[in-house]
Amino acid sequence: MTLKIHIDDGAPPYEQVRTQISEQARSGALPVGHRLPTVRGLAESLGLAANTVAKAYRALEADGVIETRGRNGTFVAAAGTAAERELASAAQAYAARARRLGLTEPDALAAVREALRAAYAG
């Protein structure tokens, strides 16, 4: 994630953070499930007050761009319908588990294709 704050931009810093994260999430540069830095960590790296970043994160959460999972952190949220969000979440969990199990990407995709064939065959 790359963010740049331009003091002479005219837009408030929290709005610049909000806009840049939103654009990166929409473009796919920040994929669904990507863990964002902590408020304090991002504030330090950008030279901003923690309250400024917290305000941006609150706005992004209200917009459905990010979701906070308590102590687990803040993540890029899935966009779209509830079904699409649930599917994206399941896909993230599957991808993480496949990687932990040491599967290659082609093997993980083959397993999904086979499961889909079986599910839709009947």
PDB file of N, CA and C in Angstrom:
ATOM      1  N   MET A   1       0.858  -1.170   0.000  1.00  0.00           N
ATOM      2  CA  MET A   1       0.000   0.000   0.000  1.00  0.00           C
ATOM      3  C   MET A   1       0.898   1.225   0.000  1.00  0.00           C
ATOM      4  N   THR A   2       0.657   2.097  -0.938  1.00  0.00           N
ATOM      5  CA  THR A   2       1.431   3.324  -1.033  1.00  0.00           C
ATOM      6  C   THR A   2       0.491   4.514  -0.935  1.00  0.00           C
ATOM      7  N   LEU A   3       0.721   5.323   0.077  1.00  0.00           N
ATOM      8  CA  LEU A   3      -0.064   6.539   0.262  1.00  0.00           C
ATOM      9  C   LEU A   3       0.881   7.722   0.329  1.00  0.00           C
ATOM     10  N   LYS A   4       0.448   8.833  -0.249  1.00  0.00           N
ATOM     11  CA  LYS A   4       1.227  10.068  -0.190  1.00  0.00           C
ATOM     12  C   LYS A   4       0.292  11.199   0.204  1.00  0.00           C
ATOM     13  N   ILE A   5       0.697  11.947   1.213  1.00  0.00           N
ATOM     14  CA  ILE A   5      -0.089  13.087   1.671  1.00  0.00           C
ATOM     15  C   ILE A   5       0.554  14.350   1.137  1.00  0.00           C
ATOM     16  N   HIS A   6      -0.235  15.175   0.475  1.00  0.00           N
ATOM     17  CA  HIS A   6       0.246  16.429  -0.084  1.00  0.00           C
ATOM     18  C   HIS A   6      -0.380  17.570   0.718  1.00  0.00           C
ATOM     19  N   ILE A   7       0.430  18.200   1.540  1.00  0.00           N
ATOM     20  CA  ILE A   7      -0.050  19.257   2.430  1.00  0.00           C
ATOM     21  C   ILE A   7      -0.654  20.422   1.645  1.00  0.00           C
ATOM     22  N   ASP A   8      -0.062  20.761   0.501  1.00  0.00           N
ATOM     23  CA  ASP A   8      -0.547  21.902  -0.284  1.00  0.00           C
ATOM     24  C   ASP A   8      -1.651  21.509  -1.270  1.00  0.00           C
ATOM     25  N   ASP A   9      -2.199  20.307  -1.129  1.00  0.00           N
ATOM     26  CA  ASP A   9      -3.234  19.789  -2.017  1.00  0.00           C
ATOM     27  C   ASP A   9      -4.553  20.530  -1.836  1.00  0.00           C
ATOM     28  N   GLY A  10      -4.836  20.983  -0.630  1.00  0.00           N
ATOM     29  CA  GLY A  10      -6.108  21.634  -0.355  1.00  0.00           C
ATOM     30  C   GLY A  10      -7.091  20.700   0.318  1.00  0.00           C
ATOM     31  N   ALA A  11      -6.984  19.398   0.029  1.00  0.00           N
ATOM     32  CA  ALA A  11      -7.865  18.415   0.676  1.00  0.00           C
ATOM     33  C   ALA A  11      -7.294  18.078   2.046  1.00  0.00           C
ATOM     34  N   PRO A  12      -8.158  17.925   3.045  1.00  0.00           N
ATOM     35  CA  PRO A  12      -7.665  17.559   4.380  1.00  0.00           C
ATOM     36  C   PRO A  12      -6.929  16.215   4.326  1.00  0.00           C
ATOM     37  N   PRO A  13      -5.917  16.032   5.157  1.00  0.00           N
ATOM     38  CA  PRO A  13      -5.151  14.772   5.139  1.00  0.00           C
ATOM     39  C   PRO A  13      -6.017  13.526   5.323  1.00  0.00           C
ATOM     40  N   TYR A  14      -7.033  13.576   6.212  1.00  0.00           N
ATOM     41  CA  TYR A  14      -7.857  12.380   6.401  1.00  0.00           C
ATOM     42  C   TYR A  14      -8.586  12.030   5.108  1.00  0.00           C
ATOM     43  N   GLU A  15      -9.002  13.057   4.352  1.00  0.00           N
ATOM     44  CA  GLU A  15      -9.709  12.825   3.094  1.00  0.00           C
ATOM     45  C   GLU A  15      -8.760  12.239   2.050  1.00  0.00           C
ATOM     46  N   GLN A  16      -7.514  12.677   2.056  1.00  0.00           N
ATOM     47  CA  GLN A  16      -6.528  12.113   1.136  1.00  0.00           C
ATOM     48  C   GLN A  16      -6.291  10.633   1.448  1.00  0.00           C
ATOM     49  N   VAL A  17      -6.189  10.294   2.740  1.00  0.00           N
ATOM     50  CA  VAL A  17      -6.011   8.893   3.139  1.00  0.00           C
ATOM     51  C   VAL A  17      -7.237   8.092   2.707  1.00  0.00           C
ATOM     52  N   ARG A  18      -8.424   8.601   3.006  1.00  0.00           N
ATOM     53  CA  ARG A  18      -9.665   7.903   2.658  1.00  0.00           C
ATOM     54  C   ARG A  18      -9.757   7.668   1.154  1.00  0.00           C
ATOM     55  N   THR A  19      -9.506   8.705   0.377  1.00  0.00           N
ATOM     56  CA  THR A  19      -9.618   8.610  -1.076  1.00  0.00           C
ATOM     57  C   THR A  19      -8.611   7.620  -1.657  1.00  0.00           C
ATOM     58  N   GLN A  20      -7.366   7.707  -1.207  1.00  0.00           N
ATOM     59  CA  GLN A  20      -6.338   6.833  -1.764  1.00  0.00           C
ATOM     60  C   GLN A  20      -6.579   5.365  -1.426  1.00  0.00           C
ATOM     61  N   ILE A  21      -6.983   5.075  -0.188  1.00  0.00           N
ATOM     62  CA  ILE A  21      -7.274   3.678   0.172  1.00  0.00           C
ATOM     63  C   ILE A  21      -8.489   3.189  -0.609  1.00  0.00           C
ATOM     64  N   SER A  22      -9.516   4.013  -0.725  1.00  0.00           N
ATOM     65  CA  SER A  22     -10.714   3.636  -1.463  1.00  0.00           C
ATOM     66  C   SER A  22     -10.386   3.343  -2.926  1.00  0.00           C
ATOM     67  N   GLU A  23      -9.596   4.200  -3.553  1.00  0.00           N
ATOM     68  CA  GLU A  23      -9.228   3.999  -4.962  1.00  0.00           C
ATOM     69  C   GLU A  23      -8.391   2.737  -5.131  1.00  0.00           C
ATOM     70  N   GLN A  24      -7.460   2.494  -4.205  1.00  0.00           N
ATOM     71  CA  GLN A  24      -6.623   1.300  -4.313  1.00  0.00           C
ATOM     72  C   GLN A  24      -7.434   0.029  -4.086  1.00  0.00           C
ATOM     73  N   ALA A  25      -8.425   0.082  -3.205  1.00  0.00           N
ATOM     74  CA  ALA A  25      -9.291  -1.082  -2.990  1.00  0.00           C
ATOM     75  C   ALA A  25     -10.157  -1.333  -4.222  1.00  0.00           C
ATOM     76  N   ARG A  26     -10.711  -0.264  -4.798  1.00  0.00           N
ATOM     77  CA  ARG A  26     -11.570  -0.394  -5.974  1.00  0.00           C
ATOM     78  C   ARG A  26     -10.795  -0.916  -7.185  1.00  0.00           C
ATOM     79  N   SER A  27      -9.536  -0.486  -7.327  1.00  0.00           N
ATOM     80  CA  SER A  27      -8.738  -0.899  -8.487  1.00  0.00           C
ATOM     81  C   SER A  27      -8.161  -2.300  -8.340  1.00  0.00           C
ATOM     82  N   GLY A  28      -8.191  -2.832  -7.110  1.00  0.00           N
ATOM     83  CA  GLY A  28      -7.596  -4.147  -6.880  1.00  0.00           C
ATOM     84  C   GLY A  28      -6.154  -4.084  -6.414  1.00  0.00           C
ATOM     85  N   ALA A  29      -5.578  -2.879  -6.370  1.00  0.00           N
ATOM     86  CA  ALA A  29      -4.208  -2.738  -5.858  1.00  0.00           C
ATOM     87  C   ALA A  29      -4.144  -3.196  -4.405  1.00  0.00           C
ATOM     88  N   LEU A  30      -5.238  -2.986  -3.681  1.00  0.00           N
ATOM     89  CA  LEU A  30      -5.404  -3.543  -2.331  1.00  0.00           C
ATOM     90  C   LEU A  30      -6.483  -4.609  -2.452  1.00  0.00           C
ATOM     91  N   PRO A  31      -6.115  -5.879  -2.489  1.00  0.00           N
ATOM     92  CA  PRO A  31      -7.123  -6.923  -2.697  1.00  0.00           C
ATOM     93  C   PRO A  31      -8.014  -7.137  -1.481  1.00  0.00           C
ATOM     94  N   VAL A  32      -9.168  -7.730  -1.707  1.00  0.00           N
ATOM     95  CA  VAL A  32     -10.082  -8.081  -0.625  1.00  0.00           C
ATOM     96  C   VAL A  32      -9.324  -8.952   0.373  1.00  0.00           C
ATOM     97  N   GLY A  33      -9.467  -8.599   1.641  1.00  0.00           N
ATOM     98  CA  GLY A  33      -8.796  -9.361   2.690  1.00  0.00           C
ATOM     99  C   GLY A  33      -7.426  -8.839   3.062  1.00  0.00           C
ATOM    100  N   HIS A  34      -6.925  -7.865   2.301  1.00  0.00           N
ATOM    101  CA  HIS A  34      -5.608  -7.292   2.611  1.00  0.00           C
ATOM    102  C   HIS A  34      -5.672  -6.606   3.972  1.00  0.00           C
ATOM    103  N   ARG A  35      -4.706  -6.922   4.823  1.00  0.00           N
ATOM    104  CA  ARG A  35      -4.679  -6.308   6.153  1.00  0.00           C
ATOM    105  C   ARG A  35      -4.016  -4.946   6.073  1.00  0.00           C
ATOM    106  N   LEU A  36      -4.709  -3.940   6.573  1.00  0.00           N
ATOM    107  CA  LEU A  36      -4.193  -2.575   6.578  1.00  0.00           C
ATOM    108  C   LEU A  36      -3.341  -2.349   7.825  1.00  0.00           C
ATOM    109  N   PRO A  37      -2.443  -1.377   7.755  1.00  0.00           N
ATOM    110  CA  PRO A  37      -1.656  -1.058   8.951  1.00  0.00           C
ATOM    111  C   PRO A  37      -2.565  -0.572  10.077  1.00  0.00           C
ATOM    112  N   THR A  38      -2.059  -0.649  11.297  1.00  0.00           N
ATOM    113  CA  THR A  38      -2.812  -0.102  12.419  1.00  0.00           C
ATOM    114  C   THR A  38      -2.931   1.399  12.232  1.00  0.00           C
ATOM    115  N   VAL A  39      -3.885   1.997  12.911  1.00  0.00           N
ATOM    116  CA  VAL A  39      -4.059   3.450  12.855  1.00  0.00           C
ATOM    117  C   VAL A  39      -2.757   4.128  13.257  1.00  0.00           C
ATOM    118  N   ARG A  40      -2.217   3.704  14.370  1.00  0.00           N
ATOM    119  CA  ARG A  40      -0.984   4.314  14.875  1.00  0.00           C
ATOM    120  C   ARG A  40       0.181   4.104  13.905  1.00  0.00           C
ATOM    121  N   GLY A  41       0.296   2.899  13.367  1.00  0.00           N
ATOM    122  CA  GLY A  41       1.382   2.599  12.434  1.00  0.00           C
ATOM    123  C   GLY A  41       1.304   3.424  11.160  1.00  0.00           C
ATOM    124  N   LEU A  42       0.116   3.545  10.592  1.00  0.00           N
ATOM    125  CA  LEU A  42      -0.049   4.336   9.375  1.00  0.00           C
ATOM    126  C   LEU A  42       0.181   5.814   9.662  1.00  0.00           C
ATOM    127  N   ALA A  43      -0.323   6.275  10.805  1.00  0.00           N
ATOM    128  CA  ALA A  43      -0.125   7.678  11.175  1.00  0.00           C
ATOM    129  C   ALA A  43       1.364   8.001  11.277  1.00  0.00           C
ATOM    130  N   GLU A  44       2.115   7.120  11.920  1.00  0.00           N
ATOM    131  CA  GLU A  44       3.558   7.344  12.056  1.00  0.00           C
ATOM    132  C   GLU A  44       4.242   7.359  10.698  1.00  0.00           C
ATOM    133  N   SER A  45       3.895   6.417   9.830  1.00  0.00           N
ATOM    134  CA  SER A  45       4.573   6.345   8.527  1.00  0.00           C
ATOM    135  C   SER A  45       4.238   7.536   7.634  1.00  0.00           C
ATOM    136  N   LEU A  46       3.059   8.140   7.828  1.00  0.00           N
ATOM    137  CA  LEU A  46       2.661   9.294   7.015  1.00  0.00           C
ATOM    138  C   LEU A  46       2.955  10.629   7.688  1.00  0.00           C
ATOM    139  N   GLY A  47       3.378  10.581   8.959  1.00  0.00           N
ATOM    140  CA  GLY A  47       3.644  11.821   9.686  1.00  0.00           C
ATOM    141  C   GLY A  47       2.363  12.558  10.053  1.00  0.00           C
ATOM    142  N   LEU A  48       1.304  11.791  10.330  1.00  0.00           N
ATOM    143  CA  LEU A  48       0.009  12.368  10.684  1.00  0.00           C
ATOM    144  C   LEU A  48      -0.345  12.014  12.121  1.00  0.00           C
ATOM    145  N   ALA A  49      -1.315  12.725  12.664  1.00  0.00           N
ATOM    146  CA  ALA A  49      -1.841  12.384  13.982  1.00  0.00           C
ATOM    147  C   ALA A  49      -2.689  11.119  13.863  1.00  0.00           C
ATOM    148  N   ALA A  50      -2.667  10.297  14.906  1.00  0.00           N
ATOM    149  CA  ALA A  50      -3.449   9.057  14.900  1.00  0.00           C
ATOM    150  C   ALA A  50      -4.936   9.349  14.702  1.00  0.00           C
ATOM    151  N   ASN A  51      -5.429  10.446  15.267  1.00  0.00           N
ATOM    152  CA  ASN A  51      -6.847  10.795  15.105  1.00  0.00           C
ATOM    153  C   ASN A  51      -7.203  11.058  13.646  1.00  0.00           C
ATOM    154  N   THR A  52      -6.257  11.563  12.867  1.00  0.00           N
ATOM    155  CA  THR A  52      -6.501  11.831  11.446  1.00  0.00           C
ATOM    156  C   THR A  52      -6.719  10.525  10.696  1.00  0.00           C
ATOM    157  N   VAL A  53      -5.859   9.550  10.945  1.00  0.00           N
ATOM    158  CA  VAL A  53      -5.992   8.251  10.288  1.00  0.00           C
ATOM    159  C   VAL A  53      -7.241   7.535  10.803  1.00  0.00           C
ATOM    160  N   ALA A  54      -7.512   7.637  12.094  1.00  0.00           N
ATOM    161  CA  ALA A  54      -8.711   7.002  12.657  1.00  0.00           C
ATOM    162  C   ALA A  54      -9.974   7.551  11.994  1.00  0.00           C
ATOM    163  N   LYS A  55      -9.995   8.849  11.744  1.00  0.00           N
ATOM    164  CA  LYS A  55     -11.150   9.469  11.077  1.00  0.00           C
ATOM    165  C   LYS A  55     -11.315   8.906   9.660  1.00  0.00           C
ATOM    166  N   ALA A  56     -10.197   8.739   8.946  1.00  0.00           N
ATOM    167  CA  ALA A  56     -10.247   8.165   7.593  1.00  0.00           C
ATOM    168  C   ALA A  56     -10.748   6.722   7.647  1.00  0.00           C
ATOM    169  N   TYR A  57     -10.236   5.932   8.596  1.00  0.00           N
ATOM    170  CA  TYR A  57     -10.650   4.537   8.727  1.00  0.00           C
ATOM    171  C   TYR A  57     -12.149   4.456   9.057  1.00  0.00           C
ATOM    172  N   ARG A  58     -12.643   5.335   9.944  1.00  0.00           N
ATOM    173  CA  ARG A  58     -14.077   5.330  10.264  1.00  0.00           C
ATOM    174  C   ARG A  58     -14.915   5.617   9.020  1.00  0.00           C
ATOM    175  N   ALA A  59     -14.482   6.587   8.214  1.00  0.00           N
ATOM    176  CA  ALA A  59     -15.215   6.924   6.984  1.00  0.00           C
ATOM    177  C   ALA A  59     -15.179   5.757   6.000  1.00  0.00           C
ATOM    178  N   LEU A  60     -14.025   5.110   5.877  1.00  0.00           N
ATOM    179  CA  LEU A  60     -13.899   3.963   4.972  1.00  0.00           C
ATOM    180  C   LEU A  60     -14.767   2.797   5.433  1.00  0.00           C
ATOM    181  N   GLU A  61     -14.852   2.608   6.743  1.00  0.00           N
ATOM    182  CA  GLU A  61     -15.689   1.529   7.260  1.00  0.00           C
ATOM    183  C   GLU A  61     -17.164   1.843   7.012  1.00  0.00           C
ATOM    184  N   ALA A  62     -17.549   3.094   7.208  1.00  0.00           N
ATOM    185  CA  ALA A  62     -18.928   3.507   6.949  1.00  0.00           C
ATOM    186  C   ALA A  62     -19.282   3.327   5.470  1.00  0.00           C
ATOM    187  N   ASP A  63     -18.297   3.512   4.586  1.00  0.00           N
ATOM    188  CA  ASP A  63     -18.506   3.339   3.148  1.00  0.00           C
ATOM    189  C   ASP A  63     -18.471   1.875   2.721  1.00  0.00           C
ATOM    190  N   GLY A  64     -18.099   0.968   3.642  1.00  0.00           N
ATOM    191  CA  GLY A  64     -18.022  -0.452   3.310  1.00  0.00           C
ATOM    192  C   GLY A  64     -16.749  -0.844   2.592  1.00  0.00           C
ATOM    193  N   VAL A  65     -15.747   0.038   2.589  1.00  0.00           N
ATOM    194  CA  VAL A  65     -14.486  -0.255   1.898  1.00  0.00           C
ATOM    195  C   VAL A  65     -13.591  -1.141   2.756  1.00  0.00           C
ATOM    196  N   ILE A  66     -13.607  -0.902   4.069  1.00  0.00           N
ATOM    197  CA  ILE A  66     -12.799  -1.695   4.989  1.00  0.00           C
ATOM    198  C   ILE A  66     -13.680  -2.224   6.104  1.00  0.00           C
ATOM    199  N   GLU A  67     -13.163  -3.226   6.812  1.00  0.00           N
ATOM    200  CA  GLU A  67     -13.864  -3.751   7.975  1.00  0.00           C
ATOM    201  C   GLU A  67     -12.858  -4.001   9.081  1.00  0.00           C
ATOM    202  N   THR A  68     -13.265  -3.661  10.293  1.00  0.00           N
ATOM    203  CA  THR A  68     -12.415  -3.880  11.448  1.00  0.00           C
ATOM    204  C   THR A  68     -12.878  -5.148  12.132  1.00  0.00           C
ATOM    205  N   ARG A  69     -11.926  -6.020  12.406  1.00  0.00           N
ATOM    206  CA  ARG A  69     -12.234  -7.303  13.050  1.00  0.00           C
ATOM    207  C   ARG A  69     -11.625  -7.337  14.448  1.00  0.00           C
ATOM    208  N   GLY A  70     -11.968  -6.354  15.242  1.00  0.00           N
ATOM    209  CA  GLY A  70     -11.483  -6.292  16.616  1.00  0.00           C
ATOM    210  C   GLY A  70      -9.971  -6.296  16.688  1.00  0.00           C
ATOM    211  N   ARG A  71      -9.442  -7.143  17.541  1.00  0.00           N
ATOM    212  CA  ARG A  71      -7.986  -7.217  17.725  1.00  0.00           C
ATOM    213  C   ARG A  71      -7.261  -7.843  16.547  1.00  0.00           C
ATOM    214  N   ASN A  72      -8.009  -8.462  15.635  1.00  0.00           N
ATOM    215  CA  ASN A  72      -7.383  -9.081  14.464  1.00  0.00           C
ATOM    216  C   ASN A  72      -6.912  -8.061  13.442  1.00  0.00           C
ATOM    217  N   GLY A  73      -7.454  -6.852  13.492  1.00  0.00           N
ATOM    218  CA  GLY A  73      -7.004  -5.800  12.601  1.00  0.00           C
ATOM    219  C   GLY A  73      -8.083  -5.278  11.686  1.00  0.00           C
ATOM    220  N   THR A  74      -7.629  -4.483  10.727  1.00  0.00           N
ATOM    221  CA  THR A  74      -8.511  -3.840   9.754  1.00  0.00           C
ATOM    222  C   THR A  74      -8.150  -4.361   8.374  1.00  0.00           C
ATOM    223  N   PHE A  75      -9.165  -4.722   7.608  1.00  0.00           N
ATOM    224  CA  PHE A  75      -8.970  -5.382   6.328  1.00  0.00           C
ATOM    225  C   PHE A  75      -9.796  -4.733   5.230  1.00  0.00           C
ATOM    226  N   VAL A  76      -9.353  -4.888   3.982  1.00  0.00           N
ATOM    227  CA  VAL A  76     -10.136  -4.441   2.838  1.00  0.00           C
ATOM    228  C   VAL A  76     -11.351  -5.360   2.753  1.00  0.00           C
ATOM    229  N   ALA A  77     -12.525  -4.763   2.704  1.00  0.00           N
ATOM    230  CA  ALA A  77     -13.777  -5.520   2.683  1.00  0.00           C
ATOM    231  C   ALA A  77     -14.160  -5.906   1.258  1.00  0.00           C
ATOM    232  N   ALA A  78     -14.945  -6.931   1.156  1.00  0.00           N
ATOM    233  CA  ALA A  78     -15.484  -7.330  -0.141  1.00  0.00           C
ATOM    234  C   ALA A  78     -16.609  -6.376  -0.510  1.00  0.00           C
ATOM    235  N   ALA A  79     -16.680  -6.017  -1.767  1.00  0.00           N
ATOM    236  CA  ALA A  79     -17.755  -5.151  -2.243  1.00  0.00           C
ATOM    237  C   ALA A  79     -18.870  -6.020  -2.808  1.00  0.00           C
ATOM    238  N   GLY A  80     -20.007  -5.425  -3.046  1.00  0.00           N
ATOM    239  CA  GLY A  80     -21.090  -6.141  -3.714  1.00  0.00           C
ATOM    240  C   GLY A  80     -22.144  -6.642  -2.760  1.00  0.00           C
ATOM    241  N   THR A  81     -22.910  -7.609  -3.235  1.00  0.00           N
ATOM    242  CA  THR A  81     -24.024  -8.150  -2.459  1.00  0.00           C
ATOM    243  C   THR A  81     -23.508  -8.980  -1.293  1.00  0.00           C
ATOM    244  N   ALA A  82     -24.392  -9.324  -0.384  1.00  0.00           N
ATOM    245  CA  ALA A  82     -24.018 -10.162   0.760  1.00  0.00           C
ATOM    246  C   ALA A  82     -23.453 -11.495   0.272  1.00  0.00           C
ATOM    247  N   ALA A  83     -24.065 -12.066  -0.772  1.00  0.00           N
ATOM    248  CA  ALA A  83     -23.574 -13.339  -1.306  1.00  0.00           C
ATOM    249  C   ALA A  83     -22.165 -13.184  -1.877  1.00  0.00           C
ATOM    250  N   GLU A  84     -21.924 -12.091  -2.589  1.00  0.00           N
ATOM    251  CA  GLU A  84     -20.585 -11.852  -3.147  1.00  0.00           C
ATOM    252  C   GLU A  84     -19.558 -11.657  -2.042  1.00  0.00           C
ATOM    253  N   ARG A  85     -19.952 -10.936  -0.977  1.00  0.00           N
ATOM    254  CA  ARG A  85     -19.034 -10.722   0.147  1.00  0.00           C
ATOM    255  C   ARG A  85     -18.715 -12.039   0.844  1.00  0.00           C
ATOM    256  N   GLU A  86     -19.746 -12.867   1.044  1.00  0.00           N
ATOM    257  CA  GLU A  86     -19.530 -14.156   1.693  1.00  0.00           C
ATOM    258  C   GLU A  86     -18.634 -15.043   0.836  1.00  0.00           C
ATOM    259  N   LEU A  87     -18.871 -15.031  -0.466  1.00  0.00           N
ATOM    260  CA  LEU A  87     -18.050 -15.833  -1.372  1.00  0.00           C
ATOM    261  C   LEU A  87     -16.600 -15.355  -1.363  1.00  0.00           C
ATOM    262  N   ALA A  88     -16.384 -14.039  -1.376  1.00  0.00           N
ATOM    263  CA  ALA A  88     -15.019 -13.499  -1.340  1.00  0.00           C
ATOM    264  C   ALA A  88     -14.326 -13.884  -0.040  1.00  0.00           C
ATOM    265  N   SER A  89     -15.058 -13.871   1.053  1.00  0.00           N
ATOM    266  CA  SER A  89     -14.494 -14.256   2.346  1.00  0.00           C
ATOM    267  C   SER A  89     -14.113 -15.733   2.342  1.00  0.00           C
ATOM    268  N   ALA A  90     -14.983 -16.569   1.813  1.00  0.00           N
ATOM    269  CA  ALA A  90     -14.685 -18.001   1.739  1.00  0.00           C
ATOM    270  C   ALA A  90     -13.484 -18.260   0.833  1.00  0.00           C
ATOM    271  N   ALA A  91     -13.406 -17.535  -0.271  1.00  0.00           N
ATOM    272  CA  ALA A  91     -12.272 -17.693  -1.185  1.00  0.00           C
ATOM    273  C   ALA A  91     -10.967 -17.287  -0.509  1.00  0.00           C
ATOM    274  N   GLN A  92     -11.005 -16.204   0.266  1.00  0.00           N
ATOM    275  CA  GLN A  92      -9.811 -15.780   1.007  1.00  0.00           C
ATOM    276  C   GLN A  92      -9.374 -16.856   1.982  1.00  0.00           C
ATOM    277  N   ALA A  93     -10.334 -17.414   2.708  1.00  0.00           N
ATOM    278  CA  ALA A  93     -10.019 -18.461   3.684  1.00  0.00           C
ATOM    279  C   ALA A  93      -9.442 -19.692   2.981  1.00  0.00           C
ATOM    280  N   TYR A  94     -10.035 -20.067   1.843  1.00  0.00           N
ATOM    281  CA  TYR A  94      -9.535 -21.215   1.086  1.00  0.00           C
ATOM    282  C   TYR A  94      -8.108 -20.962   0.601  1.00  0.00           C
ATOM    283  N   ALA A  95      -7.871 -19.781   0.051  1.00  0.00           N
ATOM    284  CA  ALA A  95      -6.538 -19.470  -0.465  1.00  0.00           C
ATOM    285  C   ALA A  95      -5.497 -19.519   0.646  1.00  0.00           C
ATOM    286  N   ALA A  96      -5.843 -18.977   1.803  1.00  0.00           N
ATOM    287  CA  ALA A  96      -4.904 -18.992   2.928  1.00  0.00           C
ATOM    288  C   ALA A  96      -4.630 -20.423   3.379  1.00  0.00           C
ATOM    289  N   ARG A  97      -5.677 -21.242   3.435  1.00  0.00           N
ATOM    290  CA  ARG A  97      -5.489 -22.633   3.874  1.00  0.00           C
ATOM    291  C   ARG A  97      -4.686 -23.423   2.855  1.00  0.00           C
ATOM    292  N   ALA A  98      -4.964 -23.238   1.583  1.00  0.00           N
ATOM    293  CA  ALA A  98      -4.214 -23.941   0.537  1.00  0.00           C
ATOM    294  C   ALA A  98      -2.731 -23.588   0.624  1.00  0.00           C
ATOM    295  N   ARG A  99      -2.447 -22.331   0.864  1.00  0.00           N
ATOM    296  CA  ARG A  99      -1.046 -21.905   0.976  1.00  0.00           C
ATOM    297  C   ARG A  99      -0.390 -22.537   2.196  1.00  0.00           C
ATOM    298  N   ARG A 100      -1.118 -22.535   3.341  1.00  0.00           N
ATOM    299  CA  ARG A 100      -0.573 -23.159   4.562  1.00  0.00           C
ATOM    300  C   ARG A 100      -0.288 -24.640   4.343  1.00  0.00           C
ATOM    301  N   LEU A 101      -1.126 -25.291   3.549  1.00  0.00           N
ATOM    302  CA  LEU A 101      -0.944 -26.714   3.268  1.00  0.00           C
ATOM    303  C   LEU A 101       0.155 -26.980   2.253  1.00  0.00           C
ATOM    304  N   GLY A 102       0.699 -25.920   1.671  1.00  0.00           N
ATOM    305  CA  GLY A 102       1.800 -26.067   0.720  1.00  0.00           C
ATOM    306  C   GLY A 102       1.374 -26.370  -0.698  1.00  0.00           C
ATOM    307  N   LEU A 103       0.103 -26.161  -1.019  1.00  0.00           N
ATOM    308  CA  LEU A 103      -0.368 -26.411  -2.385  1.00  0.00           C
ATOM    309  C   LEU A 103       0.131 -25.316  -3.323  1.00  0.00           C
ATOM    310  N   THR A 104       0.401 -25.684  -4.546  1.00  0.00           N
ATOM    311  CA  THR A 104       0.733 -24.682  -5.558  1.00  0.00           C
ATOM    312  C   THR A 104      -0.568 -24.029  -6.001  1.00  0.00           C
ATOM    313  N   GLU A 105      -0.458 -22.875  -6.643  1.00  0.00           N
ATOM    314  CA  GLU A 105      -1.664 -22.207  -7.133  1.00  0.00           C
ATOM    315  C   GLU A 105      -2.415 -23.079  -8.134  1.00  0.00           C
ATOM    316  N   PRO A 106      -1.732 -23.716  -9.104  1.00  0.00           N
ATOM    317  CA  PRO A 106      -2.475 -24.583 -10.037  1.00  0.00           C
ATOM    318  C   PRO A 106      -3.194 -25.736  -9.330  1.00  0.00           C
ATOM    319  N   ASP A 107      -2.565 -26.333  -8.303  1.00  0.00           N
ATOM    320  CA  ASP A 107      -3.219 -27.422  -7.576  1.00  0.00           C
ATOM    321  C   ASP A 107      -4.435 -26.917  -6.799  1.00  0.00           C
ATOM    322  N   ALA A 108      -4.315 -25.737  -6.205  1.00  0.00           N
ATOM    323  CA  ALA A 108      -5.439 -25.162  -5.462  1.00  0.00           C
ATOM    324  C   ALA A 108      -6.594 -24.853  -6.409  1.00  0.00           C
ATOM    325  N   LEU A 109      -6.282 -24.303  -7.578  1.00  0.00           N
ATOM    326  CA  LEU A 109      -7.332 -24.012  -8.567  1.00  0.00           C
ATOM    327  C   LEU A 109      -7.980 -25.290  -9.083  1.00  0.00           C
ATOM    328  N   ALA A 110      -7.186 -26.339  -9.293  1.00  0.00           N
ATOM    329  CA  ALA A 110      -7.731 -27.618  -9.765  1.00  0.00           C
ATOM    330  C   ALA A 110      -8.704 -28.195  -8.739  1.00  0.00           C
ATOM    331  N   ALA A 111      -8.370 -28.080  -7.466  1.00  0.00           N
ATOM    332  CA  ALA A 111      -9.259 -28.580  -6.408  1.00  0.00           C
ATOM    333  C   ALA A 111     -10.582 -27.814  -6.419  1.00  0.00           C
ATOM    334  N   VAL A 112     -10.526 -26.506  -6.630  1.00  0.00           N
ATOM    335  CA  VAL A 112     -11.750 -25.703  -6.685  1.00  0.00           C
ATOM    336  C   VAL A 112     -12.585 -26.098  -7.902  1.00  0.00           C
ATOM    337  N   ARG A 113     -11.937 -26.241  -9.049  1.00  0.00           N
ATOM    338  CA  ARG A 113     -12.674 -26.632 -10.261  1.00  0.00           C
ATOM    339  C   ARG A 113     -13.392 -27.966 -10.062  1.00  0.00           C
ATOM    340  N   GLU A 114     -12.697 -28.927  -9.445  1.00  0.00           N
ATOM    341  CA  GLU A 114     -13.293 -30.244  -9.215  1.00  0.00           C
ATOM    342  C   GLU A 114     -14.476 -30.137  -8.247  1.00  0.00           C
ATOM    343  N   ALA A 115     -14.337 -29.339  -7.208  1.00  0.00           N
ATOM    344  CA  ALA A 115     -15.424 -29.165  -6.241  1.00  0.00           C
ATOM    345  C   ALA A 115     -16.619 -28.488  -6.899  1.00  0.00           C
ATOM    346  N   LEU A 116     -16.365 -27.497  -7.754  1.00  0.00           N
ATOM    347  CA  LEU A 116     -17.454 -26.840  -8.464  1.00  0.00           C
ATOM    348  C   LEU A 116     -18.153 -27.790  -9.430  1.00  0.00           C
ATOM    349  N   ARG A 117     -17.368 -28.595 -10.141  1.00  0.00           N
ATOM    350  CA  ARG A 117     -17.959 -29.596 -11.064  1.00  0.00           C
ATOM    351  C   ARG A 117     -18.884 -30.533 -10.289  1.00  0.00           C
ATOM    352  N   ALA A 118     -18.418 -31.002  -9.143  1.00  0.00           N
ATOM    353  CA  ALA A 118     -19.220 -31.923  -8.342  1.00  0.00           C
ATOM    354  C   ALA A 118     -20.479 -31.221  -7.815  1.00  0.00           C
ATOM    355  N   ALA A 119     -20.357 -29.983  -7.370  1.00  0.00           N
ATOM    356  CA  ALA A 119     -21.486 -29.258  -6.808  1.00  0.00           C
ATOM    357  C   ALA A 119     -22.562 -28.948  -7.850  1.00  0.00           C
ATOM    358  N   TYR A 120     -22.143 -28.632  -9.060  1.00  0.00           N
ATOM    359  CA  TYR A 120     -23.091 -28.233 -10.088  1.00  0.00           C
ATOM    360  C   TYR A 120     -23.534 -29.402 -10.980  1.00  0.00           C
ATOM    361  N   ALA A 121     -22.976 -30.570 -10.790  1.00  0.00           N
ATOM    362  CA  ALA A 121     -23.323 -31.722 -11.621  1.00  0.00           C
ATOM    363  C   ALA A 121     -24.689 -32.285 -11.267  1.00  0.00           C
ATOM    364  N   GLY A 122     -25.096 -32.122 -10.036  1.00  0.00           N
ATOM    365  CA  GLY A 122     -26.332 -32.778  -9.621  1.00  0.00           C
ATOM    366  C   GLY A 122     -27.430 -31.862  -9.516  1.00  0.00           C
TER     367      GLY A 122
END
